[in-house]
């Protein structure tokens, strides 16, 4: 578990250092996904960050957000 926790911290550190908002949010998705190996509650945070990535990449595009949400529901259940 220690290794999983440390890997998540490293990815989040990379996110903090990033100047690109989309890349930063994507790294946070990955960091939270890694941390699900320790605590499954991190999956919900990863899901939220994935929606943030879509919002940043496709501003004001609710269809893109809906597609992401529907993909998450179909795939991650």
PDB file of N, CA and C in Angstrom:
ATOM      1  N   UNK A   1       0.808  -1.192   0.000  1.00  0.00           N
ATOM      2  CA  UNK A   1       0.000   0.000   0.000  1.00  0.00           C
ATOM      3  C   UNK A   1       0.858   1.265   0.000  1.00  0.00           C
ATOM      4  N   UNK A   2       1.981   1.189   0.657  1.00  0.00           N
ATOM      5  CA  UNK A   2       2.862   2.355   0.707  1.00  0.00           C
ATOM      6  C   UNK A   2       3.272   2.776  -0.699  1.00  0.00           C
ATOM      7  N   UNK A   3       3.607   1.799  -1.547  1.00  0.00           N
ATOM      8  CA  UNK A   3       4.027   2.118  -2.914  1.00  0.00           C
ATOM      9  C   UNK A   3       2.912   2.785  -3.712  1.00  0.00           C
ATOM     10  N   UNK A   4       1.692   2.308  -3.529  1.00  0.00           N
ATOM     11  CA  UNK A   4       0.548   2.902  -4.229  1.00  0.00           C
ATOM     12  C   UNK A   4       0.368   4.351  -3.783  1.00  0.00           C
ATOM     13  N   UNK A   5       0.420   4.553  -2.501  1.00  0.00           N
ATOM     14  CA  UNK A   5       0.264   5.913  -1.955  1.00  0.00           C
ATOM     15  C   UNK A   5       1.355   6.841  -2.489  1.00  0.00           C
ATOM     16  N   UNK A   6       2.586   6.378  -2.497  1.00  0.00           N
ATOM     17  CA  UNK A   6       3.698   7.195  -2.978  1.00  0.00           C
ATOM     18  C   UNK A   6       3.569   7.504  -4.468  1.00  0.00           C
ATOM     19  N   UNK A   7       3.124   6.528  -5.245  1.00  0.00           N
ATOM     20  CA  UNK A   7       2.934   6.757  -6.683  1.00  0.00           C
ATOM     21  C   UNK A   7       1.875   7.835  -6.904  1.00  0.00           C
ATOM     22  N   UNK A   8       0.790   7.772  -6.156  1.00  0.00           N
ATOM     23  CA  UNK A   8      -0.249   8.800  -6.263  1.00  0.00           C
ATOM     24  C   UNK A   8       0.295  10.167  -5.924  1.00  0.00           C
ATOM     25  N   UNK A   9       1.097  10.262  -4.871  1.00  0.00           N
ATOM     26  CA  UNK A   9       1.706  11.549  -4.496  1.00  0.00           C
ATOM     27  C   UNK A   9       2.602  12.084  -5.609  1.00  0.00           C
ATOM     28  N   UNK A  10       3.367  11.212  -6.239  1.00  0.00           N
ATOM     29  CA  UNK A  10       4.269  11.646  -7.317  1.00  0.00           C
ATOM     30  C   UNK A  10       3.494  12.209  -8.501  1.00  0.00           C
ATOM     31  N   UNK A  11       2.401  11.544  -8.863  1.00  0.00           N
ATOM     32  CA  UNK A  11       1.595  12.026  -9.988  1.00  0.00           C
ATOM     33  C   UNK A  11       0.966  13.378  -9.634  1.00  0.00           C
ATOM     34  N   UNK A  12       0.480  13.525  -8.406  1.00  0.00           N
ATOM     35  CA  UNK A  12      -0.105  14.802  -7.994  1.00  0.00           C
ATOM     36  C   UNK A  12       0.941  15.911  -7.946  1.00  0.00           C
ATOM     37  N   UNK A  13       2.169  15.568  -7.613  1.00  0.00           N
ATOM     38  CA  UNK A  13       3.243  16.564  -7.633  1.00  0.00           C
ATOM     39  C   UNK A  13       3.492  17.041  -9.060  1.00  0.00           C
ATOM     40  N   UNK A  14       3.482  16.121 -10.012  1.00  0.00           N
ATOM     41  CA  UNK A  14       3.622  16.502 -11.422  1.00  0.00           C
ATOM     42  C   UNK A  14       2.487  17.430 -11.841  1.00  0.00           C
ATOM     43  N   UNK A  15       1.278  17.148 -11.353  1.00  0.00           N
ATOM     44  CA  UNK A  15       0.131  18.007 -11.665  1.00  0.00           C
ATOM     45  C   UNK A  15       0.342  19.415 -11.126  1.00  0.00           C
ATOM     46  N   UNK A  16       0.843  19.517  -9.911  1.00  0.00           N
ATOM     47  CA  UNK A  16       1.100  20.834  -9.314  1.00  0.00           C
ATOM     48  C   UNK A  16       2.116  21.625 -10.125  1.00  0.00           C
ATOM     49  N   UNK A  17       3.077  20.930 -10.694  1.00  0.00           N
ATOM     50  CA  UNK A  17       4.146  21.590 -11.448  1.00  0.00           C
ATOM     51  C   UNK A  17       3.724  21.954 -12.867  1.00  0.00           C
ATOM     52  N   UNK A  18       2.639  21.384 -13.355  1.00  0.00           N
ATOM     53  CA  UNK A  18       2.197  21.618 -14.732  1.00  0.00           C
ATOM     54  C   UNK A  18       1.589  23.003 -14.891  1.00  0.00           C
ATOM     55  N   UNK A  19       1.861  23.627 -16.015  1.00  0.00           N
ATOM     56  CA  UNK A  19       1.281  24.929 -16.346  1.00  0.00           C
ATOM     57  C   UNK A  19       0.051  24.784 -17.236  1.00  0.00           C
ATOM     58  N   UNK A  20      -0.162  23.599 -17.775  1.00  0.00           N
ATOM     59  CA  UNK A  20      -1.275  23.339 -18.686  1.00  0.00           C
ATOM     60  C   UNK A  20      -2.455  22.789 -17.888  1.00  0.00           C
ATOM     61  N   UNK A  21      -3.573  23.514 -17.872  1.00  0.00           N
ATOM     62  CA  UNK A  21      -4.721  23.144 -17.044  1.00  0.00           C
ATOM     63  C   UNK A  21      -5.306  21.783 -17.432  1.00  0.00           C
ATOM     64  N   UNK A  22      -5.360  21.487 -18.725  1.00  0.00           N
ATOM     65  CA  UNK A  22      -5.920  20.206 -19.156  1.00  0.00           C
ATOM     66  C   UNK A  22      -4.999  19.059 -18.735  1.00  0.00           C
ATOM     67  N   UNK A  23      -3.702  19.225 -18.957  1.00  0.00           N
ATOM     68  CA  UNK A  23      -2.741  18.191 -18.563  1.00  0.00           C
ATOM     69  C   UNK A  23      -2.742  18.022 -17.045  1.00  0.00           C
ATOM     70  N   UNK A  24      -2.853  19.127 -16.335  1.00  0.00           N
ATOM     71  CA  UNK A  24      -2.886  19.081 -14.872  1.00  0.00           C
ATOM     72  C   UNK A  24      -4.096  18.277 -14.390  1.00  0.00           C
ATOM     73  N   UNK A  25      -5.261  18.549 -14.955  1.00  0.00           N
ATOM     74  CA  UNK A  25      -6.467  17.815 -14.558  1.00  0.00           C
ATOM     75  C   UNK A  25      -6.361  16.342 -14.942  1.00  0.00           C
ATOM     76  N   UNK A  26      -5.789  16.064 -16.109  1.00  0.00           N
ATOM     77  CA  UNK A  26      -5.614  14.677 -16.545  1.00  0.00           C
ATOM     78  C   UNK A  26      -4.675  13.926 -15.596  1.00  0.00           C
ATOM     79  N   UNK A  27      -3.627  14.595 -15.154  1.00  0.00           N
ATOM     80  CA  UNK A  27      -2.733  13.967 -14.175  1.00  0.00           C
ATOM     81  C   UNK A  27      -3.466  13.688 -12.867  1.00  0.00           C
ATOM     82  N   UNK A  28      -4.354  14.576 -12.492  1.00  0.00           N
ATOM     83  CA  UNK A  28      -5.122  14.351 -11.262  1.00  0.00           C
ATOM     84  C   UNK A  28      -6.067  13.154 -11.414  1.00  0.00           C
ATOM     85  N   UNK A  29      -6.620  12.971 -12.618  1.00  0.00           N
ATOM     86  CA  UNK A  29      -7.420  11.767 -12.881  1.00  0.00           C
ATOM     87  C   UNK A  29      -6.546  10.541 -12.614  1.00  0.00           C
ATOM     88  N   UNK A  30      -5.357  10.533 -13.203  1.00  0.00           N
ATOM     89  CA  UNK A  30      -4.456   9.388 -13.047  1.00  0.00           C
ATOM     90  C   UNK A  30      -4.050   9.196 -11.589  1.00  0.00           C
ATOM     91  N   UNK A  31      -3.725  10.287 -10.919  1.00  0.00           N
ATOM     92  CA  UNK A  31      -3.323  10.194  -9.520  1.00  0.00           C
ATOM     93  C   UNK A  31      -4.419   9.611  -8.640  1.00  0.00           C
ATOM     94  N   UNK A  32      -5.640  10.068  -8.856  1.00  0.00           N
ATOM     95  CA  UNK A  32      -6.756   9.538  -8.072  1.00  0.00           C
ATOM     96  C   UNK A  32      -7.032   8.077  -8.435  1.00  0.00           C
ATOM     97  N   UNK A  33      -6.914   7.749  -9.716  1.00  0.00           N
ATOM     98  CA  UNK A  33      -7.129   6.360 -10.137  1.00  0.00           C
ATOM     99  C   UNK A  33      -6.099   5.437  -9.486  1.00  0.00           C
ATOM    100  N   UNK A  34      -4.862   5.878  -9.435  1.00  0.00           N
ATOM    101  CA  UNK A  34      -3.815   5.092  -8.768  1.00  0.00           C
ATOM    102  C   UNK A  34      -4.182   4.873  -7.301  1.00  0.00           C
ATOM    103  N   UNK A  35      -4.677   5.918  -6.684  1.00  0.00           N
ATOM    104  CA  UNK A  35      -4.963   5.854  -5.251  1.00  0.00           C
ATOM    105  C   UNK A  35      -6.160   4.963  -4.920  1.00  0.00           C
ATOM    106  N   UNK A  36      -6.945   4.575  -5.925  1.00  0.00           N
ATOM    107  CA  UNK A  36      -8.040   3.646  -5.648  1.00  0.00           C
ATOM    108  C   UNK A  36      -7.512   2.301  -5.174  1.00  0.00           C
ATOM    109  N   UNK A  37      -6.238   2.026  -5.473  1.00  0.00           N
ATOM    110  CA  UNK A  37      -5.625   0.800  -4.978  1.00  0.00           C
ATOM    111  C   UNK A  37      -5.531   0.781  -3.464  1.00  0.00           C
ATOM    112  N   UNK A  38      -5.609   1.945  -2.855  1.00  0.00           N
ATOM    113  CA  UNK A  38      -5.528   2.067  -1.407  1.00  0.00           C
ATOM    114  C   UNK A  38      -6.898   2.351  -0.789  1.00  0.00           C
ATOM    115  N   UNK A  39      -7.667   3.210  -1.467  1.00  0.00           N
ATOM    116  CA  UNK A  39      -8.999   3.592  -0.978  1.00  0.00           C
ATOM    117  C   UNK A  39      -9.936   3.744  -2.158  1.00  0.00           C
ATOM    118  N   UNK A  40     -10.951   2.942  -2.224  1.00  0.00           N
ATOM    119  CA  UNK A  40     -11.837   2.967  -3.387  1.00  0.00           C
ATOM    120  C   UNK A  40     -12.586   4.280  -3.549  1.00  0.00           C
ATOM    121  N   UNK A  41     -12.715   5.069  -2.493  1.00  0.00           N
ATOM    122  CA  UNK A  41     -13.401   6.349  -2.574  1.00  0.00           C
ATOM    123  C   UNK A  41     -12.724   7.317  -3.545  1.00  0.00           C
ATOM    124  N   UNK A  42     -11.456   7.092  -3.824  1.00  0.00           N
ATOM    125  CA  UNK A  42     -10.738   7.952  -4.771  1.00  0.00           C
ATOM    126  C   UNK A  42     -11.296   7.817  -6.186  1.00  0.00           C
ATOM    127  N   UNK A  43     -12.022   6.755  -6.459  1.00  0.00           N
ATOM    128  CA  UNK A  43     -12.611   6.561  -7.787  1.00  0.00           C
ATOM    129  C   UNK A  43     -13.594   7.677  -8.123  1.00  0.00           C
ATOM    130  N   UNK A  44     -14.368   8.110  -7.140  1.00  0.00           N
ATOM    131  CA  UNK A  44     -15.333   9.193  -7.380  1.00  0.00           C
ATOM    132  C   UNK A  44     -14.608  10.500  -7.701  1.00  0.00           C
ATOM    133  N   UNK A  45     -13.496  10.739  -7.044  1.00  0.00           N
ATOM    134  CA  UNK A  45     -12.730  11.959  -7.303  1.00  0.00           C
ATOM    135  C   UNK A  45     -12.113  11.883  -8.700  1.00  0.00           C
ATOM    136  N   UNK A  46     -11.611  10.713  -9.074  1.00  0.00           N
ATOM    137  CA  UNK A  46     -11.064  10.534 -10.423  1.00  0.00           C
ATOM    138  C   UNK A  46     -12.136  10.810 -11.463  1.00  0.00           C
ATOM    139  N   UNK A  47     -13.338  10.333 -11.206  1.00  0.00           N
ATOM    140  CA  UNK A  47     -14.457  10.562 -12.114  1.00  0.00           C
ATOM    141  C   UNK A  47     -14.760  12.049 -12.254  1.00  0.00           C
ATOM    142  N   UNK A  48     -14.752  12.765 -11.142  1.00  0.00           N
ATOM    143  CA  UNK A  48     -14.994  14.219 -11.180  1.00  0.00           C
ATOM    144  C   UNK A  48     -13.909  14.940 -11.964  1.00  0.00           C
ATOM    145  N   UNK A  49     -12.659  14.547 -11.751  1.00  0.00           N
ATOM    146  CA  UNK A  49     -11.564  15.178 -12.499  1.00  0.00           C
ATOM    147  C   UNK A  49     -11.670  14.878 -13.994  1.00  0.00           C
ATOM    148  N   UNK A  50     -12.147  13.695 -14.349  1.00  0.00           N
ATOM    149  CA  UNK A  50     -12.327  13.370 -15.767  1.00  0.00           C
ATOM    150  C   UNK A  50     -13.352  14.310 -16.402  1.00  0.00           C
ATOM    151  N   UNK A  51     -14.416  14.610 -15.679  1.00  0.00           N
ATOM    152  CA  UNK A  51     -15.405  15.573 -16.173  1.00  0.00           C
ATOM    153  C   UNK A  51     -14.761  16.951 -16.303  1.00  0.00           C
ATOM    154  N   UNK A  52     -13.903  17.306 -15.373  1.00  0.00           N
ATOM    155  CA  UNK A  52     -13.206  18.593 -15.448  1.00  0.00           C
ATOM    156  C   UNK A  52     -12.347  18.659 -16.713  1.00  0.00           C
ATOM    157  N   UNK A  53     -11.666  17.558 -17.032  1.00  0.00           N
ATOM    158  CA  UNK A  53     -10.858  17.523 -18.259  1.00  0.00           C
ATOM    159  C   UNK A  53     -11.735  17.822 -19.470  1.00  0.00           C
ATOM    160  N   UNK A  54     -12.893  17.188 -19.525  1.00  0.00           N
ATOM    161  CA  UNK A  54     -13.811  17.407 -20.652  1.00  0.00           C
ATOM    162  C   UNK A  54     -14.262  18.862 -20.693  1.00  0.00           C
ATOM    163  N   UNK A  55     -14.616  19.414 -19.541  1.00  0.00           N
ATOM    164  CA  UNK A  55     -15.040  20.819 -19.489  1.00  0.00           C
ATOM    165  C   UNK A  55     -13.940  21.771 -19.941  1.00  0.00           C
ATOM    166  N   UNK A  56     -12.708  21.477 -19.584  1.00  0.00           N
ATOM    167  CA  UNK A  56     -11.589  22.325 -20.001  1.00  0.00           C
ATOM    168  C   UNK A  56     -11.300  22.171 -21.495  1.00  0.00           C
ATOM    169  N   UNK A  57     -11.377  20.948 -21.957  1.00  0.00           N
ATOM    170  CA  UNK A  57     -11.072  20.683 -23.364  1.00  0.00           C
ATOM    171  C   UNK A  57     -12.177  21.154 -24.300  1.00  0.00           C
ATOM    172  N   UNK A  58     -13.419  21.043 -23.849  1.00  0.00           N
ATOM    173  CA  UNK A  58     -14.581  21.421 -24.662  1.00  0.00           C
ATOM    174  C   UNK A  58     -15.477  22.368 -23.867  1.00  0.00           C
ATOM    175  N   UNK A  59     -15.058  23.628 -23.702  1.00  0.00           N
ATOM    176  CA  UNK A  59     -15.835  24.569 -22.883  1.00  0.00           C
ATOM    177  C   UNK A  59     -17.276  24.709 -23.390  1.00  0.00           C
ATOM    178  N   UNK A  60     -18.201  24.742 -22.450  1.00  0.00           N
ATOM    179  CA  UNK A  60     -19.625  24.959 -22.737  1.00  0.00           C
ATOM    180  C   UNK A  60     -20.226  23.895 -23.652  1.00  0.00           C
ATOM    181  N   UNK A  61     -19.646  22.701 -23.670  1.00  0.00           N
ATOM    182  CA  UNK A  61     -20.162  21.632 -24.517  1.00  0.00           C
ATOM    183  C   UNK A  61     -20.763  20.554 -23.614  1.00  0.00           C
ATOM    184  N   UNK A  62     -22.026  20.730 -23.298  1.00  0.00           N
ATOM    185  CA  UNK A  62     -22.694  19.794 -22.397  1.00  0.00           C
ATOM    186  C   UNK A  62     -22.846  18.410 -23.025  1.00  0.00           C
ATOM    187  N   UNK A  63     -22.884  18.342 -24.355  1.00  0.00           N
ATOM    188  CA  UNK A  63     -22.968  17.035 -25.013  1.00  0.00           C
ATOM    189  C   UNK A  63     -21.701  16.222 -24.733  1.00  0.00           C
ATOM    190  N   UNK A  64     -20.546  16.880 -24.749  1.00  0.00           N
ATOM    191  CA  UNK A  64     -19.291  16.179 -24.459  1.00  0.00           C
ATOM    192  C   UNK A  64     -19.271  15.690 -23.013  1.00  0.00           C
ATOM    193  N   UNK A  65     -19.757  16.524 -22.107  1.00  0.00           N
ATOM    194  CA  UNK A  65     -19.825  16.130 -20.691  1.00  0.00           C
ATOM    195  C   UNK A  65     -20.781  14.943 -20.529  1.00  0.00           C
ATOM    196  N   UNK A  66     -21.935  15.027 -21.175  1.00  0.00           N
ATOM    197  CA  UNK A  66     -22.911  13.937 -21.095  1.00  0.00           C
ATOM    198  C   UNK A  66     -22.334  12.639 -21.647  1.00  0.00           C
ATOM    199  N   UNK A  67     -21.614  12.729 -22.761  1.00  0.00           N
ATOM    200  CA  UNK A  67     -20.975  11.541 -23.333  1.00  0.00           C
ATOM    201  C   UNK A  67     -19.991  10.914 -22.354  1.00  0.00           C
ATOM    202  N   UNK A  68     -19.200  11.754 -21.697  1.00  0.00           N
ATOM    203  CA  UNK A  68     -18.229  11.252 -20.709  1.00  0.00           C
ATOM    204  C   UNK A  68     -18.950  10.596 -19.541  1.00  0.00           C
ATOM    205  N   UNK A  69     -19.981  11.256 -19.043  1.00  0.00           N
ATOM    206  CA  UNK A  69     -20.723  10.689 -17.916  1.00  0.00           C
ATOM    207  C   UNK A  69     -21.353   9.355 -18.295  1.00  0.00           C
ATOM    208  N   UNK A  70     -21.954   9.293 -19.469  1.00  0.00           N
ATOM    209  CA  UNK A  70     -22.571   8.048 -19.915  1.00  0.00           C
ATOM    210  C   UNK A  70     -21.534   6.950 -20.115  1.00  0.00           C
ATOM    211  N   UNK A  71     -20.359   7.307 -20.649  1.00  0.00           N
ATOM    212  CA  UNK A  71     -19.285   6.328 -20.800  1.00  0.00           C
ATOM    213  C   UNK A  71     -18.858   5.789 -19.439  1.00  0.00           C
ATOM    214  N   UNK A  72     -18.704   6.693 -18.468  1.00  0.00           N
ATOM    215  CA  UNK A  72     -18.322   6.264 -17.119  1.00  0.00           C
ATOM    216  C   UNK A  72     -19.348   5.297 -16.526  1.00  0.00           C
ATOM    217  N   UNK A  73     -20.616   5.629 -16.695  1.00  0.00           N
ATOM    218  CA  UNK A  73     -21.662   4.778 -16.129  1.00  0.00           C
ATOM    219  C   UNK A  73     -21.659   3.401 -16.790  1.00  0.00           C
ATOM    220  N   UNK A  74     -21.535   3.386 -18.129  1.00  0.00           N
ATOM    221  CA  UNK A  74     -21.525   2.098 -18.854  1.00  0.00           C
ATOM    222  C   UNK A  74     -20.284   1.273 -18.529  1.00  0.00           C
ATOM    223  N   UNK A  75     -19.146   1.921 -18.471  1.00  0.00           N
ATOM    224  CA  UNK A  75     -17.872   1.220 -18.411  1.00  0.00           C
ATOM    225  C   UNK A  75     -17.405   0.918 -16.992  1.00  0.00           C
ATOM    226  N   UNK A  76     -17.674   1.788 -16.079  1.00  0.00           N
ATOM    227  CA  UNK A  76     -17.085   1.665 -14.753  1.00  0.00           C
ATOM    228  C   UNK A  76     -17.985   0.989 -13.735  1.00  0.00           C
ATOM    229  N   UNK A  77     -19.162   0.587 -14.148  1.00  0.00           N
ATOM    230  CA  UNK A  77     -20.059  -0.124 -13.222  1.00  0.00           C
ATOM    231  C   UNK A  77     -19.653  -1.558 -13.044  1.00  0.00           C
TER     232      UNK A  77
END
